Amino acid sequence: MPGRAEERGEAPLRRIHLLSGTAPLGPVDPKPHFCIIGVPGGTSCASFPDRAWVSLRVVAVLREAIAGIREMHRPMVSRLAVSTQAHEQLVDVTARVQAAVSEAGLQSGVVTLFVPHTTAAVTINENADPSVAQDILKGLMELVPRAAEYYRHLEGNSDAHIKATLVGPSVQVLVEGGKLVLGTWQGIYLCEFDGPRERKLWVKMSAD
């Protein structure tokens, strides 16, 4: 029995465009098929010789598309090893973090940097003039002396724990166009307060 479109002399609607916004329909070729536009790898289409298979094939292609989108947005984690050379030191790791972002192919999103230590930290500050890093260390040394009569920690590195707490174990940096979004004079520093030793810096990259 002819449908309403056929009764009006119009071609039947056979294509379904699944978009993020609108879903336009239009008369097209006689074989029923549908297209998902904007999935990873471009437009995904499927044709069906029999209407009975349409629902099964639609579900299969949708699942594939959703899996691809989830993979695109899955957070990526890179673990960097940083060797410090002094008891207290600010190590510029900007270039290494940028290399991790480039290797992961992240174009737009956010990077979370985390130091899994209690006597080290991470911060963002000026890296154009090395004297700034030296001044930061000296300022922290004056605020938190190496030894104090009220320290109770038996390992003798209470000052390192306090400095790490003041600076913090984590920072976030935006990514646009595959590049870290930092100010002209800004750089990322791993802060060593009880070295020298091997430190870890975890870089978690999340796409928009």
Protein backbone atom coordinates (compact mmCIF):
# COMPACT_ATOMS: atom_id res chain seq x y z
CA MET A 1 0.00 0.00 0.00
CA PRO A 2 1.52 3.34 -1.02
CA GLY A 3 2.58 5.74 1.70
CA ARG A 4 1.45 9.35 2.02
CA ALA A 5 4.55 10.66 0.25
CA GLU A 6 3.95 8.31 -2.68
CA GLU A 7 0.28 9.32 -2.80
CA ARG A 8 1.42 12.94 -3.22
CA GLY A 9 3.72 11.91 -6.03
CA GLU A 10 6.85 12.50 -3.92
CA ALA A 11 9.84 10.19 -3.69
CA PRO A 12 9.88 8.26 -0.38
CA LEU A 13 12.19 9.44 2.39
CA ARG A 14 15.01 6.92 2.51
CA ARG A 15 18.02 8.70 4.08
CA ILE A 16 18.47 9.55 7.73
CA HIS A 17 21.15 12.11 8.61
CA LEU A 18 22.10 11.82 12.29
CA LEU A 19 23.67 15.11 13.29
CA SER A 20 24.60 16.77 16.56
CA GLY A 21 21.92 19.38 15.95
CA THR A 22 19.17 19.16 13.30
CA ALA A 23 18.18 16.01 11.45
CA PRO A 24 17.14 16.96 7.88
CA LEU A 25 15.36 14.39 5.76
CA GLY A 26 15.16 14.39 1.99
CA PRO A 27 14.06 12.29 -1.00
CA VAL A 28 17.01 10.35 -2.36
CA ASP A 29 17.87 7.11 -4.13
CA PRO A 30 15.50 4.14 -3.88
CA LYS A 31 17.72 1.95 -1.64
CA PRO A 32 17.19 2.68 2.06
CA HIS A 33 20.37 3.82 3.74
CA PHE A 34 21.53 6.23 6.42
CA CYS A 35 24.59 8.35 7.13
CA ILE A 36 26.17 9.52 10.38
CA ILE A 37 28.03 12.76 9.73
CA GLY A 38 30.88 13.95 11.90
CA VAL A 39 32.09 10.63 13.28
CA PRO A 40 35.83 9.87 13.51
CA GLY A 41 37.15 9.24 10.03
CA GLY A 42 34.41 11.26 8.29
CA THR A 43 30.88 10.32 7.28
CA SER A 44 29.78 6.75 7.96
CA CYS A 45 27.05 5.32 5.72
CA ALA A 46 25.34 1.97 5.35
CA SER A 47 22.89 0.61 2.76
CA PHE A 48 20.30 -2.09 3.24
CA PRO A 49 18.80 -4.43 0.65
CA ASP A 50 15.98 -5.24 3.03
CA ARG A 51 14.20 -3.01 5.54
CA ALA A 52 14.31 -5.79 8.11
CA TRP A 53 18.04 -5.24 8.55
CA VAL A 54 17.85 -1.47 9.01
CA SER A 55 17.47 -1.40 12.79
CA LEU A 56 20.29 -3.89 13.36
CA ARG A 57 22.71 -2.07 11.09
CA VAL A 58 21.77 1.32 12.55
CA VAL A 59 22.58 0.05 16.04
CA ALA A 60 25.89 -1.42 14.87
CA VAL A 61 27.06 1.77 13.16
CA LEU A 62 25.90 3.92 16.07
CA ARG A 63 27.86 1.77 18.50
CA GLU A 64 30.96 2.08 16.33
CA ALA A 65 30.54 5.85 16.11
CA ILE A 66 30.04 6.24 19.86
CA ALA A 67 33.08 4.07 20.58
CA GLY A 68 35.17 6.25 18.27
CA ILE A 69 33.99 9.43 19.93
CA ARG A 70 34.71 8.02 23.38
CA GLU A 71 38.20 7.04 22.24
CA MET A 72 38.80 10.59 20.98
CA HIS A 73 37.88 12.01 24.37
CA ARG A 74 39.58 9.39 26.53
CA PRO A 75 42.08 11.04 28.86
CA MET A 76 45.70 10.22 28.01
CA VAL A 77 48.34 9.91 30.72
CA SER A 78 52.08 10.32 30.30
CA ARG A 79 54.54 9.75 33.15
CA LEU A 80 57.74 11.78 33.01
CA ALA A 81 60.85 11.01 35.03
CA VAL A 82 62.72 14.10 36.23
CA SER A 83 66.21 13.86 37.73
CA THR A 84 67.04 16.71 40.09
CA GLN A 85 70.63 17.79 40.74
CA ALA A 86 70.44 19.75 44.00
CA HIS A 87 68.82 19.65 47.42
CA GLU A 88 66.48 22.44 46.37
CA GLN A 89 65.91 23.18 42.71
CA LEU A 90 63.30 24.38 40.21
CA VAL A 91 63.50 22.27 37.04
CA ASP A 92 61.94 23.72 33.88
CA VAL A 93 59.83 20.93 32.34
CA THR A 94 57.84 23.06 29.86
CA ALA A 95 59.43 21.55 26.74
CA ARG A 96 58.88 17.99 27.98
CA VAL A 97 55.22 18.62 28.75
CA GLN A 98 54.74 20.18 25.30
CA ALA A 99 56.43 17.14 23.74
CA ALA A 100 53.98 14.84 25.56
CA VAL A 101 51.04 16.89 24.26
CA SER A 102 52.38 16.78 20.70
CA GLU A 103 53.03 13.04 20.86
CA ALA A 104 49.48 12.42 22.09
CA GLY A 105 48.05 14.53 19.26
CA LEU A 106 46.00 16.70 21.63
CA GLN A 107 44.78 19.78 19.77
CA SER A 108 42.32 21.35 22.20
CA GLY A 109 41.72 20.55 25.84
CA VAL A 110 43.40 20.73 29.19
CA VAL A 111 46.53 19.21 30.72
CA THR A 112 46.65 18.34 34.41
CA LEU A 113 50.14 18.04 35.91
CA PHE A 114 50.54 16.12 39.14
CA VAL A 115 53.59 15.37 41.30
CA PRO A 116 53.05 12.20 43.43
CA HIS A 117 55.54 13.24 46.13
CA THR A 118 55.31 14.87 49.56
CA THR A 119 58.58 16.83 49.30
CA ALA A 120 58.25 18.05 45.71
CA ALA A 121 55.74 20.26 43.93
CA VAL A 122 54.85 21.80 40.58
CA THR A 123 54.22 25.43 39.69
CA ILE A 124 53.99 27.92 36.82
CA ASN A 125 56.17 31.00 36.88
CA GLU A 126 58.68 32.99 34.84
CA ASN A 127 61.28 30.97 32.97
CA ALA A 128 62.82 33.75 30.87
CA ASP A 129 65.19 34.95 33.62
CA PRO A 130 66.83 32.16 35.68
CA SER A 131 67.22 34.52 38.63
CA VAL A 132 63.46 34.35 39.24
CA ALA A 133 63.67 30.64 40.09
CA GLN A 134 66.61 31.37 42.41
CA ASP A 135 64.66 34.14 44.12
CA ILE A 136 61.67 31.84 44.65
CA LEU A 137 63.89 29.24 46.33
CA LYS A 138 65.57 31.84 48.54
CA GLY A 139 62.21 33.31 49.54
CA LEU A 140 60.89 29.88 50.52
CA MET A 141 64.07 29.18 52.50
CA GLU A 142 63.52 32.35 54.52
CA LEU A 143 59.85 31.56 55.10
CA VAL A 144 60.57 27.95 56.02
CA PRO A 145 64.03 27.41 57.55
CA ARG A 146 65.90 24.13 57.10
CA ALA A 147 65.88 23.52 60.87
CA ALA A 148 63.54 24.75 63.59
CA GLU A 149 63.08 23.76 67.23
CA TYR A 150 59.40 22.95 66.69
CA TYR A 151 60.07 20.35 63.95
CA ARG A 152 59.18 16.84 65.13
CA HIS A 153 59.58 14.76 61.96
CA LEU A 154 62.35 12.21 62.56
CA GLU A 155 63.56 12.19 58.93
CA GLY A 156 64.75 15.78 59.34
CA ASN A 157 63.05 17.13 56.20
CA SER A 158 60.06 18.89 57.70
CA ASP A 159 60.92 22.05 55.77
CA ALA A 160 60.59 20.15 52.48
CA HIS A 161 57.11 18.93 53.43
CA ILE A 162 56.02 22.45 54.35
CA LYS A 163 57.39 23.99 51.14
CA ALA A 164 55.72 21.30 49.03
CA THR A 165 52.44 22.06 50.78
CA LEU A 166 52.78 25.79 50.14
CA VAL A 167 53.52 25.38 46.42
CA GLY A 168 51.12 22.48 45.74
CA PRO A 169 51.23 19.14 43.92
CA SER A 170 49.17 20.02 40.84
CA VAL A 171 48.51 22.65 38.15
CA GLN A 172 46.42 22.77 34.98
CA VAL A 173 47.31 24.23 31.58
CA LEU A 174 44.98 24.82 28.64
CA VAL A 175 45.85 23.50 25.18
CA GLU A 176 44.81 25.22 21.94
CA GLY A 177 46.03 24.38 18.48
CA GLY A 178 48.22 21.64 19.92
CA LYS A 179 50.17 24.14 22.04
CA LEU A 180 50.27 24.82 25.76
CA VAL A 181 48.51 28.08 26.53
CA LEU A 182 51.11 29.89 28.63
CA GLY A 183 51.95 33.55 29.03
CA THR A 184 54.95 35.04 27.24
CA TRP A 185 57.22 34.60 30.26
CA GLN A 186 55.58 31.58 31.85
CA GLY A 187 57.09 28.13 32.21
CA ILE A 188 56.26 24.95 34.12
CA TYR A 189 58.58 23.97 36.98
CA LEU A 190 58.97 20.80 38.96
CA CYS A 191 60.04 22.00 42.42
CA GLU A 192 62.54 19.89 44.32
CA PHE A 193 62.78 20.48 48.08
CA ASP A 194 64.58 17.34 49.24
CA GLY A 195 66.94 16.21 46.51
CA PRO A 196 68.76 15.28 44.58
CA ARG A 197 66.67 12.32 43.49
CA GLU A 198 64.49 10.89 40.71
CA ARG A 199 61.05 12.46 40.61
CA LYS A 200 57.86 11.65 38.74
CA LEU A 201 55.57 14.07 36.91
CA TRP A 202 52.24 12.75 35.71
CA VAL A 203 50.70 14.48 32.70
CA LYS A 204 47.00 13.81 32.11
CA MET A 205 45.65 15.17 28.81
CA SER A 206 41.91 15.59 28.28
CA ALA A 207 40.39 16.65 24.95
CA ASP A 208 37.46 19.06 24.72
